[in-house]
Amino acid sequence: MTTNRHRVRIDGDILLTLDGDIVTIATPRFAPGIFFVHAELLEVHVVPKGEDWKVRLQTTGVSIPFQVLPFRVPAAQIPAFSAFVERAKEARERSLRDEAS
Protein backbone atom coordinates (compact mmCIF):
# COMPACT_ATOMS: atom_id res chain seq x y z
CA MET A 1 0.00 0.00 0.00
CA THR A 2 1.35 3.41 -1.01
CA THR A 3 1.85 5.87 1.82
CA ASN A 4 3.11 8.74 -0.37
CA ARG A 5 -0.23 10.04 -1.68
CA HIS A 6 -0.92 13.73 -2.11
CA ARG A 7 -3.76 15.49 -3.93
CA VAL A 8 -4.43 19.12 -4.81
CA ARG A 9 -7.21 20.81 -6.83
CA ILE A 10 -6.14 23.84 -8.87
CA ASP A 11 -8.41 26.52 -10.32
CA GLY A 12 -11.54 24.46 -9.74
CA ASP A 13 -11.20 21.74 -12.37
CA ILE A 14 -7.62 20.47 -12.37
CA LEU A 15 -6.98 17.60 -9.98
CA LEU A 16 -3.34 16.60 -9.43
CA THR A 17 -2.59 13.39 -7.55
CA LEU A 18 0.78 11.98 -6.60
CA ASP A 19 0.58 8.31 -5.66
CA GLY A 20 4.01 6.84 -5.06
CA ASP A 21 5.97 7.97 -8.10
CA ILE A 22 3.02 8.38 -10.49
CA VAL A 23 1.41 11.78 -11.10
CA THR A 24 -2.17 11.77 -12.33
CA ILE A 25 -3.57 14.91 -13.93
CA ALA A 26 -7.35 14.90 -14.32
CA THR A 27 -9.22 17.76 -15.97
CA PRO A 28 -12.01 18.31 -18.47
CA ARG A 29 -9.91 21.07 -20.10
CA PHE A 30 -7.81 18.73 -22.23
CA ALA A 31 -8.71 15.52 -24.05
CA PRO A 32 -8.61 12.69 -23.09
CA GLY A 33 -9.17 14.18 -19.61
CA ILE A 34 -6.76 12.07 -17.58
CA PHE A 35 -2.98 11.85 -17.88
CA PHE A 36 -0.50 9.62 -16.07
CA VAL A 37 3.15 10.68 -15.82
CA HIS A 38 6.00 9.05 -13.93
CA ALA A 39 7.54 11.60 -11.55
CA GLU A 40 10.95 11.10 -13.20
CA LEU A 41 9.53 12.36 -16.50
CA LEU A 42 7.39 15.26 -15.28
CA GLU A 43 8.50 18.78 -16.17
CA VAL A 44 6.95 21.78 -14.43
CA HIS A 45 7.44 25.20 -16.01
CA VAL A 46 6.30 28.22 -13.99
CA VAL A 47 6.12 31.89 -15.03
CA PRO A 48 4.81 34.47 -12.52
CA LYS A 49 1.92 36.42 -14.03
CA GLY A 50 0.95 39.22 -11.66
CA GLU A 51 0.03 37.52 -8.38
CA ASP A 52 -0.82 34.25 -10.16
CA TRP A 53 1.41 31.69 -11.88
CA LYS A 54 1.21 30.47 -15.46
CA VAL A 55 2.15 26.79 -15.42
CA ARG A 56 2.93 24.19 -18.07
CA LEU A 57 3.08 20.52 -17.13
CA GLN A 58 4.64 18.20 -19.66
CA THR A 59 6.55 14.99 -20.07
CA THR A 60 10.32 15.30 -20.56
CA GLY A 61 11.16 15.95 -24.19
CA VAL A 62 7.53 16.23 -25.37
CA SER A 63 6.41 19.03 -27.65
CA ILE A 64 3.13 17.60 -28.95
CA PRO A 65 0.47 20.14 -27.90
CA PHE A 66 -1.94 17.70 -26.23
CA GLN A 67 0.87 16.48 -24.02
CA VAL A 68 1.69 19.99 -22.77
CA LEU A 69 -0.92 21.15 -20.26
CA PRO A 70 -0.96 24.91 -19.63
CA PHE A 71 -3.02 26.40 -16.80
CA ARG A 72 -3.10 29.21 -14.26
CA VAL A 73 -2.52 28.77 -10.55
CA PRO A 74 -4.36 31.49 -8.60
CA ALA A 75 -2.26 33.25 -5.96
CA ALA A 76 -4.23 31.66 -3.10
CA GLN A 77 -3.40 28.17 -4.40
CA ILE A 78 0.33 28.70 -5.00
CA PRO A 79 1.36 27.27 -1.58
CA ALA A 80 -0.64 24.06 -2.14
CA PHE A 81 0.68 23.70 -5.70
CA SER A 82 4.25 24.33 -4.51
CA ALA A 83 3.88 21.63 -1.83
CA PHE A 84 2.59 19.21 -4.48
CA VAL A 85 5.56 19.93 -6.76
CA GLU A 86 7.99 19.44 -3.86
CA ARG A 87 6.49 16.03 -3.11
CA ALA A 88 6.71 15.09 -6.78
CA LYS A 89 10.41 16.09 -6.76
CA GLU A 90 10.97 13.91 -3.68
CA ALA A 91 9.25 11.00 -5.45
CA ARG A 92 11.47 11.50 -8.51
CA GLU A 93 14.62 11.53 -6.36
CA ARG A 94 13.47 8.43 -4.46
CA SER A 95 12.74 6.61 -7.72
CA LEU A 96 16.16 7.51 -9.14
CA ARG A 97 17.86 6.28 -5.94
CA ASP A 98 15.92 3.01 -6.10
CA GLU A 99 17.03 2.48 -9.72
CA ALA A 100 20.67 3.13 -8.81
CA SER A 101 20.71 0.55 -6.03
C-alpha atoms as a PDB file:
ATOM      1  CA  MET A   1       0.000   0.000   0.000  1.00  0.00           C
ATOM      2  CA  THR A   2       1.350   3.409  -1.010  1.00  0.00           C
ATOM      3  CA  THR A   3       1.851   5.872   1.817  1.00  0.00           C
ATOM      4  CA  ASN A   4       3.112   8.736  -0.370  1.00  0.00           C
ATOM      5  CA  ARG A   5      -0.233  10.043  -1.677  1.00  0.00           C
ATOM      6  CA  HIS A   6      -0.916  13.734  -2.109  1.00  0.00           C
ATOM      7  CA  ARG A   7      -3.761  15.487  -3.933  1.00  0.00           C
ATOM      8  CA  VAL A   8      -4.435  19.116  -4.811  1.00  0.00           C
ATOM      9  CA  ARG A   9      -7.206  20.809  -6.826  1.00  0.00           C
ATOM     10  CA  ILE A  10      -6.142  23.835  -8.867  1.00  0.00           C
ATOM     11  CA  ASP A  11      -8.409  26.519 -10.325  1.00  0.00           C
ATOM     12  CA  GLY A  12     -11.539  24.460  -9.741  1.00  0.00           C
ATOM     13  CA  ASP A  13     -11.205  21.738 -12.369  1.00  0.00           C
ATOM     14  CA  ILE A  14      -7.615  20.466 -12.370  1.00  0.00           C
ATOM     15  CA  LEU A  15      -6.979  17.601  -9.977  1.00  0.00           C
ATOM     16  CA  LEU A  16      -3.337  16.604  -9.428  1.00  0.00           C
ATOM     17  CA  THR A  17      -2.594  13.388  -7.553  1.00  0.00           C
ATOM     18  CA  LEU A  18       0.784  11.977  -6.598  1.00  0.00           C
ATOM     19  CA  ASP A  19       0.577   8.306  -5.661  1.00  0.00           C
ATOM     20  CA  GLY A  20       4.008   6.836  -5.061  1.00  0.00           C
ATOM     21  CA  ASP A  21       5.975   7.968  -8.104  1.00  0.00           C
ATOM     22  CA  ILE A  22       3.022   8.377 -10.491  1.00  0.00           C
ATOM     23  CA  VAL A  23       1.410  11.776 -11.096  1.00  0.00           C
ATOM     24  CA  THR A  24      -2.169  11.772 -12.325  1.00  0.00           C
ATOM     25  CA  ILE A  25      -3.573  14.910 -13.929  1.00  0.00           C
ATOM     26  CA  ALA A  26      -7.350  14.895 -14.322  1.00  0.00           C
ATOM     27  CA  THR A  27      -9.217  17.760 -15.974  1.00  0.00           C
ATOM     28  CA  PRO A  28     -12.007  18.308 -18.473  1.00  0.00           C
ATOM     29  CA  ARG A  29      -9.912  21.071 -20.099  1.00  0.00           C
ATOM     30  CA  PHE A  30      -7.813  18.728 -22.229  1.00  0.00           C
ATOM     31  CA  ALA A  31      -8.712  15.521 -24.052  1.00  0.00           C
ATOM     32  CA  PRO A  32      -8.612  12.694 -23.091  1.00  0.00           C
ATOM     33  CA  GLY A  33      -9.166  14.182 -19.610  1.00  0.00           C
ATOM     34  CA  ILE A  34      -6.759  12.070 -17.581  1.00  0.00           C
ATOM     35  CA  PHE A  35      -2.981  11.848 -17.877  1.00  0.00           C
ATOM     36  CA  PHE A  36      -0.496   9.622 -16.067  1.00  0.00           C
ATOM     37  CA  VAL A  37       3.155  10.675 -15.819  1.00  0.00           C
ATOM     38  CA  HIS A  38       6.003   9.047 -13.934  1.00  0.00           C
ATOM     39  CA  ALA A  39       7.544  11.603 -11.546  1.00  0.00           C
ATOM     40  CA  GLU A  40      10.951  11.102 -13.205  1.00  0.00           C
ATOM     41  CA  LEU A  41       9.531  12.364 -16.496  1.00  0.00           C
ATOM     42  CA  LEU A  42       7.386  15.264 -15.278  1.00  0.00           C
ATOM     43  CA  GLU A  43       8.504  18.782 -16.165  1.00  0.00           C
ATOM     44  CA  VAL A  44       6.947  21.780 -14.427  1.00  0.00           C
ATOM     45  CA  HIS A  45       7.443  25.204 -16.013  1.00  0.00           C
ATOM     46  CA  VAL A  46       6.304  28.224 -13.987  1.00  0.00           C
ATOM     47  CA  VAL A  47       6.118  31.886 -15.025  1.00  0.00           C
ATOM     48  CA  PRO A  48       4.811  34.466 -12.518  1.00  0.00           C
ATOM     49  CA  LYS A  49       1.920  36.419 -14.033  1.00  0.00           C
ATOM     50  CA  GLY A  50       0.952  39.216 -11.655  1.00  0.00           C
ATOM     51  CA  GLU A  51       0.031  37.520  -8.384  1.00  0.00           C
ATOM     52  CA  ASP A  52      -0.822  34.245 -10.155  1.00  0.00           C
ATOM     53  CA  TRP A  53       1.411  31.693 -11.882  1.00  0.00           C
ATOM     54  CA  LYS A  54       1.212  30.470 -15.463  1.00  0.00           C
ATOM     55  CA  VAL A  55       2.150  26.789 -15.417  1.00  0.00           C
ATOM     56  CA  ARG A  56       2.926  24.186 -18.068  1.00  0.00           C
ATOM     57  CA  LEU A  57       3.078  20.517 -17.127  1.00  0.00           C
ATOM     58  CA  GLN A  58       4.636  18.200 -19.661  1.00  0.00           C
ATOM     59  CA  THR A  59       6.553  14.986 -20.072  1.00  0.00           C
ATOM     60  CA  THR A  60      10.319  15.297 -20.556  1.00  0.00           C
ATOM     61  CA  GLY A  61      11.156  15.945 -24.194  1.00  0.00           C
ATOM     62  CA  VAL A  62       7.535  16.232 -25.371  1.00  0.00           C
ATOM     63  CA  SER A  63       6.408  19.034 -27.646  1.00  0.00           C
ATOM     64  CA  ILE A  64       3.128  17.597 -28.954  1.00  0.00           C
ATOM     65  CA  PRO A  65       0.475  20.144 -27.902  1.00  0.00           C
ATOM     66  CA  PHE A  66      -1.945  17.704 -26.229  1.00  0.00           C
ATOM     67  CA  GLN A  67       0.872  16.476 -24.016  1.00  0.00           C
ATOM     68  CA  VAL A  68       1.686  19.992 -22.774  1.00  0.00           C
ATOM     69  CA  LEU A  69      -0.917  21.151 -20.260  1.00  0.00           C
ATOM     70  CA  PRO A  70      -0.959  24.913 -19.632  1.00  0.00           C
ATOM     71  CA  PHE A  71      -3.018  26.396 -16.804  1.00  0.00           C
ATOM     72  CA  ARG A  72      -3.104  29.207 -14.263  1.00  0.00           C
ATOM     73  CA  VAL A  73      -2.516  28.765 -10.545  1.00  0.00           C
ATOM     74  CA  PRO A  74      -4.357  31.486  -8.596  1.00  0.00           C
ATOM     75  CA  ALA A  75      -2.264  33.250  -5.956  1.00  0.00           C
ATOM     76  CA  ALA A  76      -4.232  31.665  -3.105  1.00  0.00           C
ATOM     77  CA  GLN A  77      -3.403  28.168  -4.402  1.00  0.00           C
ATOM     78  CA  ILE A  78       0.333  28.697  -5.000  1.00  0.00           C
ATOM     79  CA  PRO A  79       1.363  27.270  -1.579  1.00  0.00           C
ATOM     80  CA  ALA A  80      -0.644  24.065  -2.138  1.00  0.00           C
ATOM     81  CA  PHE A  81       0.679  23.698  -5.704  1.00  0.00           C
ATOM     82  CA  SER A  82       4.246  24.326  -4.514  1.00  0.00           C
ATOM     83  CA  ALA A  83       3.875  21.633  -1.834  1.00  0.00           C
ATOM     84  CA  PHE A  84       2.593  19.207  -4.485  1.00  0.00           C
ATOM     85  CA  VAL A  85       5.558  19.929  -6.759  1.00  0.00           C
ATOM     86  CA  GLU A  86       7.993  19.438  -3.862  1.00  0.00           C
ATOM     87  CA  ARG A  87       6.488  16.027  -3.105  1.00  0.00           C
ATOM     88  CA  ALA A  88       6.714  15.091  -6.781  1.00  0.00           C
ATOM     89  CA  LYS A  89      10.409  16.089  -6.755  1.00  0.00           C
ATOM     90  CA  GLU A  90      10.970  13.906  -3.680  1.00  0.00           C
ATOM     91  CA  ALA A  91       9.246  10.997  -5.454  1.00  0.00           C
ATOM     92  CA  ARG A  92      11.471  11.502  -8.507  1.00  0.00           C
ATOM     93  CA  GLU A  93      14.625  11.532  -6.363  1.00  0.00           C
ATOM     94  CA  ARG A  94      13.469   8.432  -4.460  1.00  0.00           C
ATOM     95  CA  SER A  95      12.740   6.612  -7.720  1.00  0.00           C
ATOM     96  CA  LEU A  96      16.155   7.508  -9.138  1.00  0.00           C
ATOM     97  CA  ARG A  97      17.861   6.285  -5.943  1.00  0.00           C
ATOM     98  CA  ASP A  98      15.916   3.009  -6.103  1.00  0.00           C
ATOM     99  CA  GLU A  99      17.027   2.481  -9.720  1.00  0.00           C
ATOM    100  CA  ALA A 100      20.668   3.127  -8.813  1.00  0.00           C
ATOM    101  CA  SER A 101      20.705   0.550  -6.029  1.00  0.00           C
END
